[in-house]
Amino acid sequence: MPKLSATEMDQFLDEQGHLLRIGTIDAEGHPSVVPIWFIREGDDIMFTPRGPAVFLKDIRRDPRVGLSIDEDPLPYRKVTLRGHARIVYEPGHDDEWRDLYRRIAKRYIPEDAADAYVHDTIDQPRALIAVSLTAADARVTTWRMPVGEEDGTGIWHRRYYVDGTHMAELADSGAGRAAYFPET
C-alpha cells in the first residue's frame, strides 16, 4: 500500500482546493462529519468554524477529532489524522488572525472573491482551531494508488488479502505488477 513521503504529504496538504472532512463526537455520542476549508501552517491543520457551528460545540465538549483530506482523481491521494483539536482563538478575536482566514479563503476561491467573502462575513465571529500533525497522540495515515512500476497489489495492505486467494498469492510472490500491467 503506497504511502506518501513526507514531501509528498506536505505538497498535497498545500495544494489548493482539497476539502477537509472533520469528524467530531456529538452530544449524544454519535459521529458527525462536516466538509470544511482548511490550511496547513507548519505542523498544524487549521480551520475556522463560525461561533454557532455544531462541530465547534462538539470540540469544546470533546476535542478528539478525525480528519480526512483526499482527492477524487487518480492517484486518489489521502491523508487522515486522528488527534485532538485545540482552540487557538475563540470567536470574537477574529482581528488577531483575519489574514490567516483570508489565506484560507484564497485556497478555495479567486482572490477578489475571497476578499469580498471575508469582508462580507466580517461580522460573523469565527474560532480558529488547530490539530497537530506531530503531537504525541496524533495518528497520521497516508495512502495513494500504485503508480508507474509499483506493484498493483499494493492498492491494499497485505493484511486485507485473505490467505490462499489469488490476490494474496500475487502480493506474496511480488508478481502483482506484471499480472495487472503485463506491458511494463
C-alpha atoms as a PDB file:
ATOM      1  CA  MET A   1       0.000   0.000   0.000  1.00  0.00           C
ATOM      2  CA  PRO A   2       1.895   3.070  -1.174  1.00  0.00           C
ATOM      3  CA  LYS A   3       2.202   5.849   1.357  1.00  0.00           C
ATOM      4  CA  LEU A   4       3.009   9.454   0.643  1.00  0.00           C
ATOM      5  CA  SER A   5       6.525  10.535   1.538  1.00  0.00           C
ATOM      6  CA  ALA A   6       6.806  13.478   3.950  1.00  0.00           C
ATOM      7  CA  THR A   7       7.487  15.770   0.981  1.00  0.00           C
ATOM      8  CA  GLU A   8       4.530  14.357  -0.993  1.00  0.00           C
ATOM      9  CA  MET A   9       2.271  14.790   2.029  1.00  0.00           C
ATOM     10  CA  ASP A  10       3.378  18.406   2.506  1.00  0.00           C
ATOM     11  CA  GLN A  11       2.812  19.154  -1.183  1.00  0.00           C
ATOM     12  CA  PHE A  12      -0.615  17.514  -1.117  1.00  0.00           C
ATOM     13  CA  LEU A  13      -1.737  19.400   2.009  1.00  0.00           C
ATOM     14  CA  ASP A  14      -0.568  22.692   0.487  1.00  0.00           C
ATOM     15  CA  GLU A  15      -2.408  22.191  -2.818  1.00  0.00           C
ATOM     16  CA  GLN A  16      -5.460  24.356  -3.279  1.00  0.00           C
ATOM     17  CA  GLY A  17      -8.984  23.015  -3.353  1.00  0.00           C
ATOM     18  CA  HIS A  18      -8.837  19.886  -1.191  1.00  0.00           C
ATOM     19  CA  LEU A  19     -11.603  19.836   1.387  1.00  0.00           C
ATOM     20  CA  LEU A  20     -11.074  18.699   4.934  1.00  0.00           C
ATOM     21  CA  ARG A  21     -13.705  16.405   6.367  1.00  0.00           C
ATOM     22  CA  ILE A  22     -13.754  16.690  10.135  1.00  0.00           C
ATOM     23  CA  GLY A  23     -15.323  14.055  12.315  1.00  0.00           C
ATOM     24  CA  THR A  24     -16.407  15.026  15.811  1.00  0.00           C
ATOM     25  CA  ILE A  25     -18.444  13.316  18.518  1.00  0.00           C
ATOM     26  CA  ASP A  26     -21.838  14.925  19.098  1.00  0.00           C
ATOM     27  CA  ALA A  27     -23.604  15.400  22.442  1.00  0.00           C
ATOM     28  CA  GLU A  28     -25.313  12.004  22.100  1.00  0.00           C
ATOM     29  CA  GLY A  29     -22.034  10.197  21.382  1.00  0.00           C
ATOM     30  CA  HIS A  30     -22.632   9.800  17.647  1.00  0.00           C
ATOM     31  CA  PRO A  31     -20.039  10.637  14.992  1.00  0.00           C
ATOM     32  CA  SER A  32     -20.665  13.744  12.905  1.00  0.00           C
ATOM     33  CA  VAL A  33     -18.715  14.645   9.748  1.00  0.00           C
ATOM     34  CA  VAL A  34     -18.587  18.065   8.074  1.00  0.00           C
ATOM     35  CA  PRO A  35     -16.593  19.175   4.972  1.00  0.00           C
ATOM     36  CA  ILE A  36     -14.738  22.454   5.563  1.00  0.00           C
ATOM     37  CA  TRP A  37     -11.943  24.668   4.249  1.00  0.00           C
ATOM     38  CA  PHE A  38      -8.521  24.416   5.899  1.00  0.00           C
ATOM     39  CA  ILE A  39      -4.894  25.446   5.679  1.00  0.00           C
ATOM     40  CA  ARG A  40      -1.703  23.771   6.866  1.00  0.00           C
ATOM     41  CA  GLU A  41       0.509  26.025   8.943  1.00  0.00           C
ATOM     42  CA  GLY A  42       3.733  24.270   9.889  1.00  0.00           C
ATOM     43  CA  ASP A  43       2.730  21.113  11.745  1.00  0.00           C
ATOM     44  CA  ASP A  44      -0.893  22.182  12.235  1.00  0.00           C
ATOM     45  CA  ILE A  45      -4.052  21.732  10.201  1.00  0.00           C
ATOM     46  CA  MET A  46      -6.109  24.884  10.868  1.00  0.00           C
ATOM     47  CA  PHE A  47      -9.755  25.726  10.214  1.00  0.00           C
ATOM     48  CA  THR A  48     -12.266  28.369  11.220  1.00  0.00           C
ATOM     49  CA  PRO A  49     -15.772  27.403  12.382  1.00  0.00           C
ATOM     50  CA  ARG A  50     -18.303  30.157  12.933  1.00  0.00           C
ATOM     51  CA  GLY A  51     -19.375  30.691  16.531  1.00  0.00           C
ATOM     52  CA  PRO A  52     -22.661  28.754  16.322  1.00  0.00           C
ATOM     53  CA  ALA A  53     -21.168  25.773  14.419  1.00  0.00           C
ATOM     54  CA  VAL A  54     -22.219  22.445  15.897  1.00  0.00           C
ATOM     55  CA  PHE A  55     -18.773  20.948  15.350  1.00  0.00           C
ATOM     56  CA  LEU A  56     -17.237  23.801  17.404  1.00  0.00           C
ATOM     57  CA  LYS A  57     -19.585  22.867  20.257  1.00  0.00           C
ATOM     58  CA  ASP A  58     -18.541  19.237  19.810  1.00  0.00           C
ATOM     59  CA  ILE A  59     -14.833  20.190  20.019  1.00  0.00           C
ATOM     60  CA  ARG A  60     -15.400  22.228  23.178  1.00  0.00           C
ATOM     61  CA  ARG A  61     -17.056  19.210  24.810  1.00  0.00           C
ATOM     62  CA  ASP A  62     -14.681  16.563  23.425  1.00  0.00           C
ATOM     63  CA  PRO A  63     -11.575  17.638  21.478  1.00  0.00           C
ATOM     64  CA  ARG A  64     -10.990  14.226  19.903  1.00  0.00           C
ATOM     65  CA  VAL A  65     -11.324  14.533  16.118  1.00  0.00           C
ATOM     66  CA  GLY A  66     -10.754  12.587  12.944  1.00  0.00           C
ATOM     67  CA  LEU A  67      -9.684  14.468   9.813  1.00  0.00           C
ATOM     68  CA  SER A  68      -9.694  13.236   6.228  1.00  0.00           C
ATOM     69  CA  ILE A  69      -8.265  15.129   3.261  1.00  0.00           C
ATOM     70  CA  ASP A  70      -8.443  13.375  -0.101  1.00  0.00           C
ATOM     71  CA  GLU A  71      -8.860  13.847  -3.820  1.00  0.00           C
ATOM     72  CA  ASP A  72     -11.164  12.439  -6.488  1.00  0.00           C
ATOM     73  CA  PRO A  73      -8.760  11.968  -9.444  1.00  0.00           C
ATOM     74  CA  LEU A  74      -6.045   9.318  -9.617  1.00  0.00           C
ATOM     75  CA  PRO A  75      -3.853   8.526  -7.774  1.00  0.00           C
ATOM     76  CA  TYR A  76      -6.508   9.091  -5.062  1.00  0.00           C
ATOM     77  CA  ARG A  77      -4.117  10.533  -2.505  1.00  0.00           C
ATOM     78  CA  LYS A  78      -5.367  10.853   1.035  1.00  0.00           C
ATOM     79  CA  VAL A  79      -4.176  11.968   4.435  1.00  0.00           C
ATOM     80  CA  THR A  80      -6.082  11.054   7.559  1.00  0.00           C
ATOM     81  CA  LEU A  81      -5.356  12.333  11.027  1.00  0.00           C
ATOM     82  CA  ARG A  82      -6.690  11.285  14.383  1.00  0.00           C
ATOM     83  CA  GLY A  83      -5.878  13.675  17.179  1.00  0.00           C
ATOM     84  CA  HIS A  84      -7.056  16.430  19.475  1.00  0.00           C
ATOM     85  CA  ALA A  85      -8.307  19.820  18.336  1.00  0.00           C
ATOM     86  CA  ARG A  86      -7.209  22.888  20.252  1.00  0.00           C
ATOM     87  CA  ILE A  87      -8.984  26.195  20.171  1.00  0.00           C
ATOM     88  CA  VAL A  88      -6.333  28.782  19.297  1.00  0.00           C
ATOM     89  CA  TYR A  89      -8.834  31.665  19.346  1.00  0.00           C
ATOM     90  CA  GLU A  90     -12.436  31.702  20.494  1.00  0.00           C
ATOM     91  CA  PRO A  91     -14.933  33.640  18.361  1.00  0.00           C
ATOM     92  CA  GLY A  92     -14.601  37.382  18.808  1.00  0.00           C
ATOM     93  CA  HIS A  93     -10.817  37.533  18.397  1.00  0.00           C
ATOM     94  CA  ASP A  94     -11.004  37.413  14.586  1.00  0.00           C
ATOM     95  CA  ASP A  95      -8.989  40.612  14.074  1.00  0.00           C
ATOM     96  CA  GLU A  96      -5.941  38.875  15.558  1.00  0.00           C
ATOM     97  CA  TRP A  97      -5.867  36.240  12.798  1.00  0.00           C
ATOM     98  CA  ARG A  98      -8.006  37.631   9.954  1.00  0.00           C
ATOM     99  CA  ASP A  99      -5.092  37.465   7.474  1.00  0.00           C
ATOM    100  CA  LEU A 100      -4.956  33.696   8.003  1.00  0.00           C
ATOM    101  CA  TYR A 101      -8.702  33.481   7.374  1.00  0.00           C
ATOM    102  CA  ARG A 102      -8.189  35.414   4.124  1.00  0.00           C
ATOM    103  CA  ARG A 103      -5.401  32.986   3.078  1.00  0.00           C
ATOM    104  CA  ILE A 104      -7.715  30.034   3.775  1.00  0.00           C
ATOM    105  CA  ALA A 105     -10.441  31.558   1.584  1.00  0.00           C
ATOM    106  CA  LYS A 106      -7.930  32.171  -1.232  1.00  0.00           C
ATOM    107  CA  ARG A 107      -7.148  28.440  -1.308  1.00  0.00           C
ATOM    108  CA  TYR A 108     -10.719  27.807  -2.488  1.00  0.00           C
ATOM    109  CA  ILE A 109     -11.968  30.815  -4.412  1.00  0.00           C
ATOM    110  CA  PRO A 110     -10.321  33.536  -6.559  1.00  0.00           C
ATOM    111  CA  GLU A 111      -8.543  36.324  -4.691  1.00  0.00           C
ATOM    112  CA  ASP A 112     -11.145  39.034  -5.392  1.00  0.00           C
ATOM    113  CA  ALA A 113     -13.965  36.730  -4.341  1.00  0.00           C
ATOM    114  CA  ALA A 114     -12.042  35.704  -1.208  1.00  0.00           C
ATOM    115  CA  ASP A 115     -11.527  39.346  -0.220  1.00  0.00           C
ATOM    116  CA  ALA A 116     -15.235  40.025  -0.759  1.00  0.00           C
ATOM    117  CA  TYR A 117     -16.194  36.900   1.196  1.00  0.00           C
ATOM    118  CA  VAL A 118     -14.040  37.891   4.168  1.00  0.00           C
ATOM    119  CA  HIS A 119     -15.366  41.470   4.025  1.00  0.00           C
ATOM    120  CA  ASP A 120     -18.994  40.330   3.775  1.00  0.00           C
ATOM    121  CA  THR A 121     -18.690  37.880   6.685  1.00  0.00           C
ATOM    122  CA  ILE A 122     -16.511  40.053   8.933  1.00  0.00           C
ATOM    123  CA  ASP A 123     -19.415  40.450  11.370  1.00  0.00           C
ATOM    124  CA  GLN A 124     -19.732  36.661  11.792  1.00  0.00           C
ATOM    125  CA  PRO A 125     -17.222  35.761  14.546  1.00  0.00           C
ATOM    126  CA  ARG A 126     -15.201  32.615  13.999  1.00  0.00           C
ATOM    127  CA  ALA A 127     -12.981  30.437  16.124  1.00  0.00           C
ATOM    128  CA  LEU A 128      -9.535  29.348  14.966  1.00  0.00           C
ATOM    129  CA  ILE A 129      -8.885  25.654  15.562  1.00  0.00           C
ATOM    130  CA  ALA A 130      -5.663  23.679  15.129  1.00  0.00           C
ATOM    131  CA  VAL A 131      -4.961  19.955  15.024  1.00  0.00           C
ATOM    132  CA  SER A 132      -1.301  18.971  15.225  1.00  0.00           C
ATOM    133  CA  LEU A 133       0.152  16.540  12.718  1.00  0.00           C
ATOM    134  CA  THR A 134       3.051  15.811  15.070  1.00  0.00           C
ATOM    135  CA  ALA A 135       1.565  15.691  18.588  1.00  0.00           C
ATOM    136  CA  ALA A 136       2.431  12.600  20.592  1.00  0.00           C
ATOM    137  CA  ASP A 137      -1.178  11.394  20.395  1.00  0.00           C
ATOM    138  CA  ALA A 138      -1.649  12.206  16.684  1.00  0.00           C
ATOM    139  CA  ARG A 139      -2.032   9.333  14.256  1.00  0.00           C
ATOM    140  CA  VAL A 140      -1.381  10.275  10.621  1.00  0.00           C
ATOM    141  CA  THR A 141      -2.028   7.845   7.779  1.00  0.00           C
ATOM    142  CA  THR A 142      -1.388   8.482   4.096  1.00  0.00           C
ATOM    143  CA  TRP A 143      -2.229   6.469   1.019  1.00  0.00           C
ATOM    144  CA  ARG A 144      -2.329   6.615  -2.758  1.00  0.00           C
ATOM    145  CA  MET A 145      -2.860   4.211  -5.621  1.00  0.00           C
ATOM    146  CA  PRO A 146       0.227   2.482  -7.018  1.00  0.00           C
ATOM    147  CA  VAL A 147       1.780   4.442  -9.871  1.00  0.00           C
ATOM    148  CA  GLY A 148       4.409   3.730 -12.502  1.00  0.00           C
ATOM    149  CA  GLU A 149       6.190   0.448 -11.881  1.00  0.00           C
ATOM    150  CA  GLU A 150       4.786  -0.113  -8.396  1.00  0.00           C
ATOM    151  CA  ASP A 151       3.113  -3.440  -7.624  1.00  0.00           C
ATOM    152  CA  GLY A 152      -0.626  -3.295  -8.398  1.00  0.00           C
ATOM    153  CA  THR A 153      -1.422  -5.454  -5.386  1.00  0.00           C
ATOM    154  CA  GLY A 154      -0.162  -2.528  -3.326  1.00  0.00           C
ATOM    155  CA  ILE A 155      -3.601  -0.979  -3.597  1.00  0.00           C
ATOM    156  CA  TRP A 156      -4.385  -2.602  -0.245  1.00  0.00           C
ATOM    157  CA  HIS A 157      -2.169  -3.548   2.655  1.00  0.00           C
ATOM    158  CA  ARG A 158      -1.368  -7.280   2.620  1.00  0.00           C
ATOM    159  CA  ARG A 159      -3.472  -7.831   5.760  1.00  0.00           C
ATOM    160  CA  TYR A 160      -6.624  -7.198   3.674  1.00  0.00           C
ATOM    161  CA  TYR A 161      -5.977 -10.128   1.328  1.00  0.00           C
ATOM    162  CA  VAL A 162      -7.377 -13.437   2.537  1.00  0.00           C
ATOM    163  CA  ASP A 163      -4.674 -16.097   2.694  1.00  0.00           C
ATOM    164  CA  GLY A 164      -4.851 -18.587  -0.158  1.00  0.00           C
ATOM    165  CA  THR A 165      -6.660 -16.215  -2.537  1.00  0.00           C
ATOM    166  CA  HIS A 166      -5.409 -15.079  -5.924  1.00  0.00           C
ATOM    167  CA  MET A 167      -4.616 -11.551  -4.714  1.00  0.00           C
ATOM    168  CA  ALA A 168      -2.755 -12.855  -1.653  1.00  0.00           C
ATOM    169  CA  GLU A 169      -0.659 -15.099  -3.883  1.00  0.00           C
ATOM    170  CA  LEU A 170       0.158 -12.208  -6.234  1.00  0.00           C
ATOM    171  CA  ALA A 171       1.092  -9.975  -3.307  1.00  0.00           C
ATOM    172  CA  ASP A 172       3.243 -12.651  -1.684  1.00  0.00           C
ATOM    173  CA  SER A 173       5.015 -13.530  -4.934  1.00  0.00           C
ATOM    174  CA  GLY A 174       5.724  -9.937  -5.950  1.00  0.00           C
ATOM    175  CA  ALA A 175       4.189 -10.699  -9.350  1.00  0.00           C
ATOM    176  CA  GLY A 176       1.250  -8.339  -8.861  1.00  0.00           C
ATOM    177  CA  ARG A 177       2.504  -5.570 -11.143  1.00  0.00           C
ATOM    178  CA  ALA A 178       3.123  -7.903 -14.043  1.00  0.00           C
ATOM    179  CA  ALA A 179      -0.267  -9.572 -13.570  1.00  0.00           C
ATOM    180  CA  TYR A 180      -2.105  -6.263 -13.824  1.00  0.00           C
ATOM    181  CA  PHE A 181       0.188  -4.401 -16.200  1.00  0.00           C
ATOM    182  CA  PRO A 182       1.884  -7.024 -18.398  1.00  0.00           C
ATOM    183  CA  GLU A 183       3.099  -4.387 -20.879  1.00  0.00           C
ATOM    184  CA  THR A 184       5.509  -2.845 -18.332  1.00  0.00           C
END
